[in-house]
Amino acid sequence: MTDLANKKCIPCEGGIPSFDLTEIHKYLKKVDGWDVKSDDEKTYYLIKQFKFNNFLESQNFINKVGNLAEKEGHHPDIWFGWGYAKIKIFTHSINGLHESDFVLAAKIDQISSAENV
């Protein structure tokens, strides 16, 4: 995880293939607790739910994730409410996963660890 968290997200403008399942599973071992799912169009994405003690803790976490996403130029889908936050990551321009998605996941895990989520 530390290795990925030290990297920078590289903006993707498309024109490259998304990771295949072998590559996805190789990278999945480097992040903590993220699941890989696919939607109806067979687009693979990372998703993870975080638990909190109240709404304010959820909001503070999401604010930090939002600041990170803006800094990295890589923007996940985020849902949150009282006691939870859920984050979905994939690269929209290639409709799938690439290294930057796992980099962002590792960086989010660092935020989570720092807050003892």
N, C-alpha and C. Protein backbone atom coordinates (compact mmCIF):
# COMPACT_ATOMS: atom_id res chain seq x y z
N MET A 1 0.82 -1.19 0.00
CA MET A 1 0.00 0.00 0.00
C MET A 1 0.86 1.25 0.00
N THR A 2 1.89 1.29 0.81
CA THR A 2 2.74 2.48 0.91
C THR A 2 3.32 2.84 -0.45
N ASP A 3 3.72 1.83 -1.20
CA ASP A 3 4.28 2.07 -2.52
C ASP A 3 3.32 2.87 -3.40
N LEU A 4 2.09 2.43 -3.48
CA LEU A 4 1.10 3.12 -4.31
C LEU A 4 0.78 4.50 -3.76
N ALA A 5 0.68 4.62 -2.45
CA ALA A 5 0.30 5.90 -1.83
C ALA A 5 1.36 6.97 -2.08
N ASN A 6 2.57 6.57 -2.38
CA ASN A 6 3.64 7.54 -2.65
C ASN A 6 3.66 8.00 -4.10
N LYS A 7 2.86 7.38 -4.95
CA LYS A 7 2.81 7.76 -6.36
C LYS A 7 1.80 8.88 -6.55
N LYS A 8 1.83 9.49 -7.72
CA LYS A 8 0.89 10.56 -8.08
C LYS A 8 -0.08 10.00 -9.12
N CYS A 9 -1.33 10.36 -9.01
CA CYS A 9 -2.31 9.97 -10.03
C CYS A 9 -1.93 10.65 -11.35
N ILE A 10 -1.94 9.88 -12.41
CA ILE A 10 -1.63 10.39 -13.74
C ILE A 10 -2.94 10.56 -14.50
N PRO A 11 -3.28 11.79 -14.91
CA PRO A 11 -4.53 11.98 -15.65
C PRO A 11 -4.55 11.13 -16.92
N CYS A 12 -5.68 10.53 -17.18
CA CYS A 12 -5.84 9.69 -18.36
C CYS A 12 -6.82 10.36 -19.31
N GLU A 13 -6.41 10.50 -20.54
CA GLU A 13 -7.26 11.11 -21.55
C GLU A 13 -7.85 10.07 -22.49
N GLY A 14 -7.70 8.82 -22.11
CA GLY A 14 -8.22 7.74 -22.95
C GLY A 14 -7.15 7.24 -23.91
N GLY A 15 -7.55 6.39 -24.81
CA GLY A 15 -6.63 5.87 -25.80
C GLY A 15 -5.72 4.76 -25.29
N ILE A 16 -5.92 4.34 -24.05
CA ILE A 16 -5.16 3.22 -23.51
C ILE A 16 -6.17 2.18 -23.00
N PRO A 17 -5.77 0.91 -23.00
CA PRO A 17 -6.71 -0.10 -22.50
C PRO A 17 -6.80 -0.08 -20.98
N SER A 18 -7.95 -0.43 -20.48
CA SER A 18 -8.09 -0.59 -19.03
C SER A 18 -7.43 -1.92 -18.64
N PHE A 19 -7.15 -2.06 -17.34
CA PHE A 19 -6.55 -3.29 -16.84
C PHE A 19 -7.47 -4.48 -17.09
N ASP A 20 -6.87 -5.63 -17.41
CA ASP A 20 -7.64 -6.87 -17.47
C ASP A 20 -7.72 -7.45 -16.05
N LEU A 21 -8.47 -8.51 -15.87
CA LEU A 21 -8.68 -9.07 -14.53
C LEU A 21 -7.38 -9.50 -13.85
N THR A 22 -6.43 -10.01 -14.59
CA THR A 22 -5.15 -10.42 -14.01
C THR A 22 -4.44 -9.22 -13.40
N GLU A 23 -4.39 -8.13 -14.14
CA GLU A 23 -3.73 -6.91 -13.66
C GLU A 23 -4.51 -6.30 -12.48
N ILE A 24 -5.82 -6.33 -12.57
CA ILE A 24 -6.65 -5.81 -11.48
C ILE A 24 -6.35 -6.55 -10.18
N HIS A 25 -6.30 -7.88 -10.24
CA HIS A 25 -6.07 -8.66 -9.02
C HIS A 25 -4.65 -8.47 -8.49
N LYS A 26 -3.70 -8.23 -9.37
CA LYS A 26 -2.33 -7.94 -8.93
C LYS A 26 -2.31 -6.65 -8.10
N TYR A 27 -2.99 -5.63 -8.56
CA TYR A 27 -3.03 -4.35 -7.85
C TYR A 27 -3.95 -4.39 -6.63
N LEU A 28 -5.00 -5.18 -6.71
CA LEU A 28 -5.94 -5.27 -5.60
C LEU A 28 -5.25 -5.74 -4.32
N LYS A 29 -4.22 -6.55 -4.45
CA LYS A 29 -3.46 -7.03 -3.29
C LYS A 29 -2.70 -5.90 -2.60
N LYS A 30 -2.55 -4.77 -3.28
CA LYS A 30 -1.76 -3.65 -2.74
C LYS A 30 -2.61 -2.62 -2.01
N VAL A 31 -3.93 -2.80 -2.00
CA VAL A 31 -4.82 -1.88 -1.28
C VAL A 31 -5.63 -2.67 -0.26
N ASP A 32 -6.11 -1.98 0.75
CA ASP A 32 -6.73 -2.65 1.89
C ASP A 32 -8.26 -2.57 1.87
N GLY A 33 -8.91 -3.72 1.66
CA GLY A 33 -10.36 -3.80 1.83
C GLY A 33 -11.21 -3.28 0.69
N TRP A 34 -10.61 -2.96 -0.43
CA TRP A 34 -11.40 -2.51 -1.58
C TRP A 34 -11.92 -3.72 -2.34
N ASP A 35 -13.13 -3.62 -2.85
CA ASP A 35 -13.73 -4.67 -3.67
C ASP A 35 -13.71 -4.23 -5.12
N VAL A 36 -13.63 -5.21 -6.01
CA VAL A 36 -13.75 -4.94 -7.45
C VAL A 36 -15.11 -5.46 -7.88
N LYS A 37 -15.85 -4.60 -8.54
CA LYS A 37 -17.16 -4.96 -9.07
C LYS A 37 -17.23 -4.51 -10.52
N SER A 38 -18.26 -4.96 -11.21
CA SER A 38 -18.49 -4.46 -12.57
C SER A 38 -19.97 -4.12 -12.72
N ASP A 39 -20.24 -3.16 -13.59
CA ASP A 39 -21.61 -2.75 -13.83
C ASP A 39 -22.19 -3.51 -15.03
N ASP A 40 -23.36 -3.13 -15.46
CA ASP A 40 -24.04 -3.82 -16.57
C ASP A 40 -23.24 -3.74 -17.87
N GLU A 41 -22.43 -2.69 -18.02
CA GLU A 41 -21.62 -2.53 -19.24
C GLU A 41 -20.26 -3.22 -19.11
N LYS A 42 -20.07 -3.99 -18.03
CA LYS A 42 -18.81 -4.71 -17.76
C LYS A 42 -17.64 -3.76 -17.49
N THR A 43 -17.96 -2.57 -16.95
CA THR A 43 -16.93 -1.64 -16.51
C THR A 43 -16.54 -2.00 -15.09
N TYR A 44 -15.27 -2.29 -14.89
CA TYR A 44 -14.78 -2.64 -13.55
C TYR A 44 -14.49 -1.37 -12.76
N TYR A 45 -14.77 -1.44 -11.45
CA TYR A 45 -14.50 -0.32 -10.57
C TYR A 45 -14.14 -0.83 -9.18
N LEU A 46 -13.48 0.04 -8.40
CA LEU A 46 -13.17 -0.23 -7.00
C LEU A 46 -14.24 0.40 -6.14
N ILE A 47 -14.60 -0.26 -5.05
CA ILE A 47 -15.59 0.31 -4.14
C ILE A 47 -15.26 -0.12 -2.71
N LYS A 48 -15.49 0.80 -1.79
CA LYS A 48 -15.24 0.51 -0.38
C LYS A 48 -16.17 1.35 0.48
N GLN A 49 -16.66 0.74 1.56
CA GLN A 49 -17.48 1.48 2.51
C GLN A 49 -16.68 1.69 3.80
N PHE A 50 -16.77 2.89 4.33
CA PHE A 50 -16.11 3.27 5.56
C PHE A 50 -17.18 3.55 6.61
N LYS A 51 -16.91 3.16 7.85
CA LYS A 51 -17.87 3.37 8.94
C LYS A 51 -17.35 4.41 9.93
N PHE A 52 -18.29 5.21 10.46
CA PHE A 52 -17.96 6.28 11.39
C PHE A 52 -18.93 6.26 12.56
N ASN A 53 -18.65 7.04 13.56
CA ASN A 53 -19.50 7.11 14.76
C ASN A 53 -20.67 8.07 14.61
N ASN A 54 -20.59 9.00 13.65
CA ASN A 54 -21.66 9.98 13.50
C ASN A 54 -21.54 10.67 12.15
N PHE A 55 -22.44 11.59 11.89
CA PHE A 55 -22.47 12.31 10.62
C PHE A 55 -21.23 13.19 10.45
N LEU A 56 -20.84 13.91 11.49
CA LEU A 56 -19.72 14.84 11.39
C LEU A 56 -18.42 14.13 11.03
N GLU A 57 -18.17 12.95 11.60
CA GLU A 57 -16.97 12.19 11.24
C GLU A 57 -17.01 11.79 9.77
N SER A 58 -18.17 11.37 9.29
CA SER A 58 -18.32 11.02 7.86
C SER A 58 -18.03 12.23 6.98
N GLN A 59 -18.59 13.37 7.36
CA GLN A 59 -18.42 14.59 6.58
C GLN A 59 -16.96 15.04 6.57
N ASN A 60 -16.30 14.99 7.72
CA ASN A 60 -14.88 15.38 7.78
C ASN A 60 -14.02 14.49 6.90
N PHE A 61 -14.29 13.19 6.92
CA PHE A 61 -13.55 12.24 6.08
C PHE A 61 -13.76 12.56 4.60
N ILE A 62 -15.02 12.77 4.22
CA ILE A 62 -15.33 13.06 2.81
C ILE A 62 -14.70 14.37 2.36
N ASN A 63 -14.67 15.36 3.24
CA ASN A 63 -14.01 16.63 2.89
C ASN A 63 -12.53 16.40 2.60
N LYS A 64 -11.88 15.57 3.39
CA LYS A 64 -10.46 15.26 3.16
C LYS A 64 -10.28 14.48 1.86
N VAL A 65 -11.17 13.54 1.61
CA VAL A 65 -11.10 12.78 0.35
C VAL A 65 -11.32 13.71 -0.84
N GLY A 66 -12.27 14.64 -0.72
CA GLY A 66 -12.52 15.60 -1.80
C GLY A 66 -11.32 16.48 -2.07
N ASN A 67 -10.66 16.94 -1.02
CA ASN A 67 -9.45 17.75 -1.20
C ASN A 67 -8.35 16.94 -1.87
N LEU A 68 -8.19 15.69 -1.46
CA LEU A 68 -7.21 14.81 -2.08
C LEU A 68 -7.53 14.60 -3.56
N ALA A 69 -8.79 14.32 -3.85
CA ALA A 69 -9.20 14.07 -5.24
C ALA A 69 -8.90 15.27 -6.13
N GLU A 70 -9.16 16.45 -5.62
CA GLU A 70 -8.88 17.66 -6.40
C GLU A 70 -7.38 17.83 -6.61
N LYS A 71 -6.61 17.60 -5.57
CA LYS A 71 -5.15 17.71 -5.67
C LYS A 71 -4.58 16.71 -6.68
N GLU A 72 -5.13 15.49 -6.67
CA GLU A 72 -4.64 14.44 -7.56
C GLU A 72 -5.24 14.53 -8.97
N GLY A 73 -6.30 15.31 -9.13
CA GLY A 73 -6.96 15.40 -10.43
C GLY A 73 -7.68 14.10 -10.80
N HIS A 74 -8.13 13.38 -9.77
CA HIS A 74 -8.79 12.09 -9.99
C HIS A 74 -9.98 12.03 -9.04
N HIS A 75 -11.18 12.04 -9.59
CA HIS A 75 -12.38 12.29 -8.81
C HIS A 75 -13.28 11.06 -8.70
N PRO A 76 -13.39 10.49 -7.49
CA PRO A 76 -14.25 9.32 -7.29
C PRO A 76 -15.71 9.72 -7.13
N ASP A 77 -16.58 8.73 -7.21
CA ASP A 77 -17.98 8.92 -6.85
C ASP A 77 -18.07 8.69 -5.35
N ILE A 78 -18.80 9.56 -4.65
CA ILE A 78 -18.85 9.51 -3.19
C ILE A 78 -20.30 9.60 -2.73
N TRP A 79 -20.65 8.71 -1.78
CA TRP A 79 -21.93 8.77 -1.08
C TRP A 79 -21.61 8.80 0.41
N PHE A 80 -22.34 9.57 1.17
CA PHE A 80 -22.12 9.53 2.61
C PHE A 80 -23.37 9.97 3.36
N GLY A 81 -23.40 9.60 4.63
CA GLY A 81 -24.51 9.96 5.50
C GLY A 81 -24.10 9.70 6.94
N TRP A 82 -25.07 9.56 7.80
CA TRP A 82 -24.80 9.36 9.21
C TRP A 82 -24.07 8.03 9.40
N GLY A 83 -22.80 8.11 9.80
CA GLY A 83 -22.02 6.93 10.15
C GLY A 83 -21.41 6.14 9.01
N TYR A 84 -21.48 6.65 7.80
CA TYR A 84 -20.86 5.89 6.69
C TYR A 84 -20.41 6.81 5.56
N ALA A 85 -19.50 6.28 4.77
CA ALA A 85 -19.12 6.88 3.49
C ALA A 85 -18.81 5.72 2.55
N LYS A 86 -19.21 5.86 1.31
CA LYS A 86 -18.91 4.84 0.30
C LYS A 86 -18.23 5.54 -0.87
N ILE A 87 -17.15 4.93 -1.35
CA ILE A 87 -16.37 5.54 -2.42
C ILE A 87 -16.21 4.54 -3.56
N LYS A 88 -16.46 5.03 -4.77
CA LYS A 88 -16.34 4.24 -6.00
C LYS A 88 -15.30 4.92 -6.88
N ILE A 89 -14.33 4.13 -7.35
CA ILE A 89 -13.24 4.68 -8.16
C ILE A 89 -13.11 3.90 -9.47
N PHE A 90 -13.03 4.63 -10.55
CA PHE A 90 -12.63 4.06 -11.85
C PHE A 90 -12.24 5.22 -12.76
N THR A 91 -11.59 4.90 -13.84
CA THR A 91 -11.17 5.93 -14.79
C THR A 91 -12.23 6.05 -15.87
N HIS A 92 -12.95 7.17 -15.83
CA HIS A 92 -14.08 7.37 -16.74
C HIS A 92 -13.67 7.33 -18.20
N SER A 93 -12.52 7.91 -18.53
CA SER A 93 -12.13 8.03 -19.95
C SER A 93 -11.80 6.69 -20.60
N ILE A 94 -11.53 5.65 -19.80
CA ILE A 94 -11.27 4.33 -20.38
C ILE A 94 -12.31 3.30 -19.91
N ASN A 95 -13.30 3.76 -19.17
CA ASN A 95 -14.35 2.87 -18.67
C ASN A 95 -13.79 1.64 -17.99
N GLY A 96 -12.88 1.86 -17.05
CA GLY A 96 -12.30 0.73 -16.33
C GLY A 96 -11.25 1.20 -15.35
N LEU A 97 -10.42 0.26 -14.95
CA LEU A 97 -9.40 0.52 -13.94
C LEU A 97 -8.01 0.60 -14.54
N HIS A 98 -7.20 1.46 -13.95
CA HIS A 98 -5.79 1.59 -14.29
C HIS A 98 -5.03 1.90 -13.01
N GLU A 99 -3.72 2.04 -13.08
CA GLU A 99 -2.92 2.21 -11.87
C GLU A 99 -3.36 3.39 -11.02
N SER A 100 -3.71 4.51 -11.62
CA SER A 100 -4.09 5.70 -10.85
C SER A 100 -5.29 5.44 -9.94
N ASP A 101 -6.17 4.55 -10.34
CA ASP A 101 -7.31 4.21 -9.49
C ASP A 101 -6.85 3.57 -8.18
N PHE A 102 -5.86 2.71 -8.27
CA PHE A 102 -5.32 2.05 -7.09
C PHE A 102 -4.46 3.01 -6.27
N VAL A 103 -3.80 3.94 -6.94
CA VAL A 103 -3.05 4.98 -6.23
C VAL A 103 -4.01 5.81 -5.38
N LEU A 104 -5.12 6.23 -5.96
CA LEU A 104 -6.11 7.01 -5.21
C LEU A 104 -6.67 6.19 -4.04
N ALA A 105 -6.96 4.92 -4.28
CA ALA A 105 -7.47 4.07 -3.20
C ALA A 105 -6.48 3.99 -2.05
N ALA A 106 -5.20 3.83 -2.35
CA ALA A 106 -4.17 3.75 -1.31
C ALA A 106 -4.07 5.06 -0.54
N LYS A 107 -4.19 6.17 -1.24
CA LYS A 107 -4.13 7.48 -0.58
C LYS A 107 -5.36 7.69 0.33
N ILE A 108 -6.52 7.23 -0.12
CA ILE A 108 -7.72 7.32 0.70
C ILE A 108 -7.57 6.44 1.94
N ASP A 109 -6.98 5.28 1.78
CA ASP A 109 -6.72 4.41 2.93
C ASP A 109 -5.82 5.10 3.95
N GLN A 110 -4.87 5.89 3.50
CA GLN A 110 -4.01 6.62 4.43
C GLN A 110 -4.82 7.62 5.24
N ILE A 111 -5.77 8.29 4.60
CA ILE A 111 -6.65 9.22 5.31
C ILE A 111 -7.44 8.45 6.36
N SER A 112 -7.98 7.33 5.94
CA SER A 112 -8.78 6.49 6.83
C SER A 112 -7.96 6.02 8.03
N SER A 113 -6.74 5.58 7.80
CA SER A 113 -5.86 5.10 8.86
C SER A 113 -5.51 6.21 9.83
N ALA A 114 -5.29 7.40 9.31
CA ALA A 114 -4.92 8.54 10.14
C ALA A 114 -6.07 8.93 11.07
N GLU A 115 -7.30 8.61 10.64
CA GLU A 115 -8.47 8.95 11.45
C GLU A 115 -8.96 7.77 12.28
N ASN A 116 -8.25 6.64 12.17
CA ASN A 116 -8.63 5.41 12.89
C ASN A 116 -10.06 5.00 12.58
N VAL A 117 -10.41 5.03 11.30
CA VAL A 117 -11.76 4.66 10.87
C VAL A 117 -11.89 3.16 10.95
